[in-house]
Amino acid sequence: MSPSTFNQCGIFPVTLSATDWCGNTSVCFSQVQVADPFPPTITCPLSFSVTADPPGCNAVINGIQWSTLTDNCGGTSVSYEVTLATTATGTGDVSGLNFNEGISMITYTATDNCGNTATCSLK
């Protein structure tokens, strides 16, 4: 079979060939579907509180990255959404964002190369 290995999810054309002991060869064409049924896992740190600095009563917060992130096939990306007192979206770690006074909810979404997702949240 050619190709004989795949490094991503999807449907791929393959060529199958067989040769007998006399050297006669037969070829056919088909498709192989590669799937990953397992979502990644992501764990958020514990919720915490911060005292905002006057006069604006907001604070830039660092060190809010997820605690663990794993996937059976690797290549996981992370996005975030911040809601409630502060609103923001982006990719990667939310650290460095200026948070408004009040309670904000941070939701991280991990997405693997096959489109499987997992989320975790903290306040």
Foldseek 3Di string as FASTA:
>chain_A
DPPPDDQFFDKAKDKDKDADPVGDMDIDIDIDGDADPDAKDWAWDAADDDAADPDQRKDQFADRFTPDIGDPRDPKWKKKFKDDQDTDIGTDDPHRDIGHPDDIKMKMWIAHRRGHIDIDIYD
